[in-house]
């Protein structure tokens, strides 16, 4: 039962394997922030440019983070951020889109 007495030496909030993953952790943070911005700004019709662009970038950032993620904790944060970014992106597209009001 030595494994029950082992100290958890996790160096990162999102890494459950005991190793440091600075790139993956940064992508999780950026995806969560972009998702939150896209989700909140999607509630306002006049901010559709901000919500659609931050949503799109959040989806792309989260997808790349999923591609290189190493632990389940990282993937959990990425899915939350991508979900919020997708909702913001789709509502931003419904309110005017990426270029609404600027072109033509």
N, C-alpha and C. Protein backbone atom coordinates (compact mmCIF):
# COMPACT_ATOMS: atom_id res chain seq x y z
N UNK A 1 0.81 -1.19 0.00
CA UNK A 1 0.00 0.00 0.00
C UNK A 1 0.86 1.26 0.00
N UNK A 2 2.05 1.17 -0.54
CA UNK A 2 2.94 2.32 -0.57
C UNK A 2 2.38 3.43 -1.45
N UNK A 3 1.63 3.06 -2.46
CA UNK A 3 1.11 4.07 -3.36
C UNK A 3 0.12 5.01 -2.68
N UNK A 4 -0.52 4.59 -1.62
CA UNK A 4 -1.46 5.47 -0.92
C UNK A 4 -0.74 6.54 -0.12
N UNK A 5 0.51 6.33 0.20
CA UNK A 5 1.28 7.28 0.98
C UNK A 5 2.11 8.21 0.10
N UNK A 6 2.10 8.01 -1.19
CA UNK A 6 2.91 8.81 -2.10
C UNK A 6 2.36 10.22 -2.18
N UNK A 7 3.25 11.19 -2.08
CA UNK A 7 2.86 12.60 -2.16
C UNK A 7 2.59 12.97 -3.61
N UNK A 8 1.52 13.70 -3.84
CA UNK A 8 1.19 14.15 -5.20
C UNK A 8 2.08 15.34 -5.55
N UNK A 9 2.93 15.16 -6.54
CA UNK A 9 3.88 16.20 -6.93
C UNK A 9 3.47 16.89 -8.22
N UNK A 10 2.20 17.06 -8.41
CA UNK A 10 1.72 17.70 -9.63
C UNK A 10 2.19 19.14 -9.66
N UNK A 11 2.87 19.52 -10.72
CA UNK A 11 3.41 20.87 -10.82
C UNK A 11 2.45 21.82 -11.52
N UNK A 12 1.41 21.31 -12.09
CA UNK A 12 0.48 22.13 -12.85
C UNK A 12 -0.94 21.84 -12.39
N UNK A 13 -1.78 22.85 -12.50
CA UNK A 13 -3.17 22.69 -12.12
C UNK A 13 -3.87 21.68 -13.03
N UNK A 14 -3.52 21.65 -14.30
CA UNK A 14 -4.21 20.82 -15.27
C UNK A 14 -3.52 19.50 -15.58
N UNK A 15 -2.28 19.31 -15.10
CA UNK A 15 -1.54 18.09 -15.41
C UNK A 15 -1.69 17.08 -14.29
N UNK A 16 -2.28 15.96 -14.60
CA UNK A 16 -2.46 14.92 -13.59
C UNK A 16 -1.38 13.84 -13.69
N UNK A 17 -0.44 14.00 -14.59
CA UNK A 17 0.61 13.00 -14.74
C UNK A 17 1.91 13.40 -14.06
N UNK A 18 1.91 14.53 -13.33
CA UNK A 18 3.09 14.95 -12.60
C UNK A 18 4.11 15.70 -13.42
N UNK A 19 3.84 15.94 -14.68
CA UNK A 19 4.77 16.65 -15.54
C UNK A 19 4.23 18.04 -15.84
N UNK A 20 5.11 18.94 -16.18
CA UNK A 20 4.72 20.30 -16.53
C UNK A 20 4.34 20.37 -18.00
N UNK A 21 3.23 21.02 -18.29
CA UNK A 21 2.77 21.21 -19.67
C UNK A 21 2.45 22.68 -19.89
N UNK A 22 3.46 23.53 -20.04
CA UNK A 22 3.19 24.97 -20.14
C UNK A 22 2.43 25.37 -21.40
N UNK A 23 2.71 24.75 -22.52
CA UNK A 23 2.02 25.11 -23.76
C UNK A 23 0.54 24.72 -23.69
N UNK A 24 0.29 23.52 -23.21
CA UNK A 24 -1.09 23.05 -23.10
C UNK A 24 -1.87 23.88 -22.08
N UNK A 25 -1.23 24.23 -20.95
CA UNK A 25 -1.89 25.05 -19.94
C UNK A 25 -2.20 26.45 -20.48
N UNK A 26 -1.30 26.99 -21.27
CA UNK A 26 -1.55 28.30 -21.87
C UNK A 26 -2.72 28.23 -22.85
N UNK A 27 -2.78 27.18 -23.64
CA UNK A 27 -3.89 27.03 -24.57
C UNK A 27 -5.22 26.87 -23.84
N UNK A 28 -5.22 26.17 -22.72
CA UNK A 28 -6.43 26.03 -21.92
C UNK A 28 -6.88 27.40 -21.43
N UNK A 29 -5.96 28.17 -20.88
CA UNK A 29 -6.30 29.50 -20.37
C UNK A 29 -6.80 30.44 -21.45
N UNK A 30 -6.12 30.45 -22.59
CA UNK A 30 -6.53 31.32 -23.70
C UNK A 30 -7.90 30.91 -24.23
N UNK A 31 -8.13 29.61 -24.35
CA UNK A 31 -9.42 29.13 -24.85
C UNK A 31 -10.54 29.49 -23.88
N UNK A 32 -10.30 29.35 -22.58
CA UNK A 32 -11.32 29.71 -21.60
C UNK A 32 -11.63 31.21 -21.62
N UNK A 33 -10.59 32.03 -21.74
CA UNK A 33 -10.81 33.48 -21.77
C UNK A 33 -11.55 33.88 -23.05
N UNK A 34 -11.12 33.37 -24.19
CA UNK A 34 -11.80 33.69 -25.44
C UNK A 34 -13.24 33.18 -25.44
N UNK A 35 -13.46 32.01 -24.89
CA UNK A 35 -14.82 31.48 -24.79
C UNK A 35 -15.70 32.34 -23.92
N UNK A 36 -15.17 32.81 -22.80
CA UNK A 36 -15.94 33.66 -21.90
C UNK A 36 -16.28 35.00 -22.57
N UNK A 37 -15.30 35.59 -23.26
CA UNK A 37 -15.55 36.85 -23.96
C UNK A 37 -16.59 36.66 -25.06
N UNK A 38 -16.45 35.61 -25.84
CA UNK A 38 -17.40 35.37 -26.93
C UNK A 38 -18.79 35.11 -26.39
N UNK A 39 -18.89 34.35 -25.32
CA UNK A 39 -20.20 34.02 -24.75
C UNK A 39 -20.89 35.26 -24.19
N UNK A 40 -20.15 36.08 -23.45
CA UNK A 40 -20.76 37.27 -22.84
C UNK A 40 -21.12 38.30 -23.89
N UNK A 41 -20.24 38.55 -24.85
CA UNK A 41 -20.53 39.58 -25.85
C UNK A 41 -21.59 39.13 -26.85
N UNK A 42 -21.85 37.85 -26.94
CA UNK A 42 -22.88 37.37 -27.85
C UNK A 42 -24.28 37.77 -27.39
N UNK A 43 -24.41 38.17 -26.14
CA UNK A 43 -25.72 38.57 -25.62
C UNK A 43 -26.12 39.97 -26.09
N UNK A 44 -25.20 40.69 -26.70
CA UNK A 44 -25.46 42.05 -27.17
C UNK A 44 -25.36 42.06 -28.70
N UNK A 45 -26.43 42.50 -29.35
CA UNK A 45 -26.47 42.49 -30.82
C UNK A 45 -25.38 43.35 -31.44
N UNK A 46 -25.07 44.47 -30.82
CA UNK A 46 -24.11 45.38 -31.41
C UNK A 46 -22.66 44.90 -31.31
N UNK A 47 -22.41 43.88 -30.52
CA UNK A 47 -21.05 43.36 -30.36
C UNK A 47 -20.82 42.07 -31.14
N UNK A 48 -21.57 41.91 -32.23
CA UNK A 48 -21.46 40.66 -32.99
C UNK A 48 -20.09 40.46 -33.62
N UNK A 49 -19.40 41.54 -33.98
CA UNK A 49 -18.05 41.38 -34.54
C UNK A 49 -17.10 40.79 -33.50
N UNK A 50 -17.16 41.33 -32.29
CA UNK A 50 -16.29 40.82 -31.22
C UNK A 50 -16.63 39.38 -30.86
N UNK A 51 -17.90 39.08 -30.73
CA UNK A 51 -18.28 37.72 -30.33
C UNK A 51 -17.98 36.70 -31.41
N UNK A 52 -18.20 37.05 -32.66
CA UNK A 52 -17.94 36.09 -33.73
C UNK A 52 -16.44 35.84 -33.92
N UNK A 53 -15.63 36.88 -33.87
CA UNK A 53 -14.19 36.69 -34.06
C UNK A 53 -13.54 36.00 -32.86
N UNK A 54 -13.89 36.42 -31.63
CA UNK A 54 -13.31 35.73 -30.48
C UNK A 54 -13.80 34.30 -30.40
N UNK A 55 -15.03 34.06 -30.80
CA UNK A 55 -15.54 32.69 -30.84
C UNK A 55 -14.78 31.83 -31.84
N UNK A 56 -14.53 32.38 -33.01
CA UNK A 56 -13.81 31.63 -34.04
C UNK A 56 -12.38 31.33 -33.59
N UNK A 57 -11.70 32.32 -33.05
CA UNK A 57 -10.33 32.11 -32.58
C UNK A 57 -10.32 31.14 -31.40
N UNK A 58 -11.32 31.22 -30.53
CA UNK A 58 -11.42 30.30 -29.40
C UNK A 58 -11.64 28.86 -29.84
N UNK A 59 -12.44 28.68 -30.87
CA UNK A 59 -12.66 27.33 -31.41
C UNK A 59 -11.38 26.77 -32.01
N UNK A 60 -10.67 27.58 -32.77
CA UNK A 60 -9.42 27.13 -33.39
C UNK A 60 -8.36 26.84 -32.33
N UNK A 61 -8.23 27.74 -31.35
CA UNK A 61 -7.26 27.54 -30.27
C UNK A 61 -7.59 26.28 -29.47
N UNK A 62 -8.86 26.08 -29.16
CA UNK A 62 -9.26 24.89 -28.42
C UNK A 62 -9.06 23.61 -29.20
N UNK A 63 -9.29 23.66 -30.50
CA UNK A 63 -9.09 22.47 -31.33
C UNK A 63 -7.61 22.09 -31.37
N UNK A 64 -6.74 23.08 -31.49
CA UNK A 64 -5.31 22.78 -31.48
C UNK A 64 -4.89 22.27 -30.10
N UNK A 65 -5.45 22.86 -29.05
CA UNK A 65 -5.16 22.39 -27.70
C UNK A 65 -5.59 20.95 -27.49
N UNK A 66 -6.74 20.58 -28.05
CA UNK A 66 -7.19 19.19 -27.98
C UNK A 66 -6.22 18.27 -28.71
N UNK A 67 -5.68 18.76 -29.80
CA UNK A 67 -4.76 17.95 -30.60
C UNK A 67 -3.49 17.62 -29.83
N UNK A 68 -2.98 18.59 -29.04
CA UNK A 68 -1.71 18.37 -28.35
C UNK A 68 -1.87 18.13 -26.86
N UNK A 69 -3.10 18.06 -26.35
CA UNK A 69 -3.30 17.89 -24.91
C UNK A 69 -2.79 16.52 -24.45
N UNK A 70 -2.38 16.50 -23.17
CA UNK A 70 -1.79 15.27 -22.64
C UNK A 70 -2.62 14.65 -21.52
N UNK A 71 -3.47 15.44 -20.86
CA UNK A 71 -4.21 14.91 -19.72
C UNK A 71 -5.70 15.21 -19.86
N UNK A 72 -6.48 14.50 -19.08
CA UNK A 72 -7.93 14.68 -19.09
C UNK A 72 -8.31 16.04 -18.53
N UNK A 73 -7.60 16.52 -17.53
CA UNK A 73 -7.89 17.84 -16.98
C UNK A 73 -7.75 18.93 -18.02
N UNK A 74 -6.75 18.85 -18.84
CA UNK A 74 -6.58 19.84 -19.91
C UNK A 74 -7.74 19.75 -20.90
N UNK A 75 -8.10 18.54 -21.26
CA UNK A 75 -9.19 18.36 -22.23
C UNK A 75 -10.51 18.88 -21.68
N UNK A 76 -10.73 18.73 -20.37
CA UNK A 76 -11.96 19.21 -19.75
C UNK A 76 -12.07 20.73 -19.88
N UNK A 77 -11.00 21.44 -19.55
CA UNK A 77 -11.00 22.90 -19.69
C UNK A 77 -11.14 23.34 -21.13
N UNK A 78 -10.50 22.62 -22.03
CA UNK A 78 -10.60 22.96 -23.44
C UNK A 78 -12.02 22.77 -23.97
N UNK A 79 -12.69 21.73 -23.55
CA UNK A 79 -14.06 21.50 -23.99
C UNK A 79 -14.99 22.59 -23.47
N UNK A 80 -14.81 22.99 -22.22
CA UNK A 80 -15.63 24.08 -21.67
C UNK A 80 -15.41 25.38 -22.45
N UNK A 81 -14.15 25.70 -22.70
CA UNK A 81 -13.84 26.92 -23.44
C UNK A 81 -14.33 26.88 -24.88
N UNK A 82 -14.17 25.72 -25.51
CA UNK A 82 -14.64 25.59 -26.89
C UNK A 82 -16.17 25.65 -26.97
N UNK A 83 -16.85 25.10 -26.00
CA UNK A 83 -18.31 25.17 -25.98
C UNK A 83 -18.80 26.60 -25.86
N UNK A 84 -18.20 27.36 -24.94
CA UNK A 84 -18.57 28.76 -24.77
C UNK A 84 -18.21 29.57 -26.02
N UNK A 85 -17.05 29.28 -26.60
CA UNK A 85 -16.64 29.98 -27.82
C UNK A 85 -17.58 29.66 -28.98
N UNK A 86 -18.01 28.42 -29.08
CA UNK A 86 -18.92 28.03 -30.16
C UNK A 86 -20.27 28.71 -30.01
N UNK A 87 -20.78 28.77 -28.79
CA UNK A 87 -22.05 29.45 -28.58
C UNK A 87 -21.92 30.92 -28.94
N UNK A 88 -20.84 31.56 -28.49
CA UNK A 88 -20.60 32.96 -28.84
C UNK A 88 -20.43 33.16 -30.33
N UNK A 89 -19.72 32.24 -30.96
CA UNK A 89 -19.50 32.35 -32.41
C UNK A 89 -20.82 32.23 -33.17
N UNK A 90 -21.62 31.24 -32.83
CA UNK A 90 -22.87 31.04 -33.57
C UNK A 90 -23.86 32.16 -33.32
N UNK A 91 -23.94 32.66 -32.10
CA UNK A 91 -24.83 33.80 -31.84
C UNK A 91 -24.31 35.06 -32.52
N UNK A 92 -23.00 35.23 -32.53
CA UNK A 92 -22.42 36.37 -33.25
C UNK A 92 -22.69 36.29 -34.74
N UNK A 93 -22.63 35.09 -35.29
CA UNK A 93 -22.95 34.92 -36.71
C UNK A 93 -24.43 35.21 -36.97
N UNK A 94 -25.29 34.83 -36.05
CA UNK A 94 -26.72 35.09 -36.22
C UNK A 94 -27.04 36.58 -36.10
N UNK A 95 -26.24 37.31 -35.35
CA UNK A 95 -26.50 38.74 -35.15
C UNK A 95 -25.87 39.61 -36.22
N UNK A 96 -25.04 39.07 -37.08
CA UNK A 96 -24.46 39.89 -38.13
C UNK A 96 -23.22 39.32 -38.76
N UNK A 97 -22.59 38.37 -38.11
CA UNK A 97 -21.46 37.69 -38.72
C UNK A 97 -20.11 38.35 -38.51
N UNK A 98 -19.13 37.78 -39.18
CA UNK A 98 -17.76 38.24 -39.04
C UNK A 98 -17.52 39.60 -39.68
N UNK A 99 -18.23 39.92 -40.73
CA UNK A 99 -18.03 41.18 -41.43
C UNK A 99 -19.31 41.99 -41.55
N UNK A 100 -20.34 41.65 -40.77
CA UNK A 100 -21.63 42.30 -40.88
C UNK A 100 -21.55 43.81 -40.64
N UNK A 101 -22.09 44.56 -41.58
CA UNK A 101 -22.09 46.01 -41.46
C UNK A 101 -20.86 46.67 -42.00
N UNK A 102 -19.79 45.92 -42.27
CA UNK A 102 -18.57 46.52 -42.79
C UNK A 102 -18.51 46.40 -44.30
N UNK A 103 -18.86 45.23 -44.82
CA UNK A 103 -18.81 44.97 -46.26
C UNK A 103 -20.21 45.12 -46.82
N UNK A 104 -20.29 45.92 -47.85
CA UNK A 104 -21.51 46.05 -48.64
C UNK A 104 -22.68 46.44 -47.87
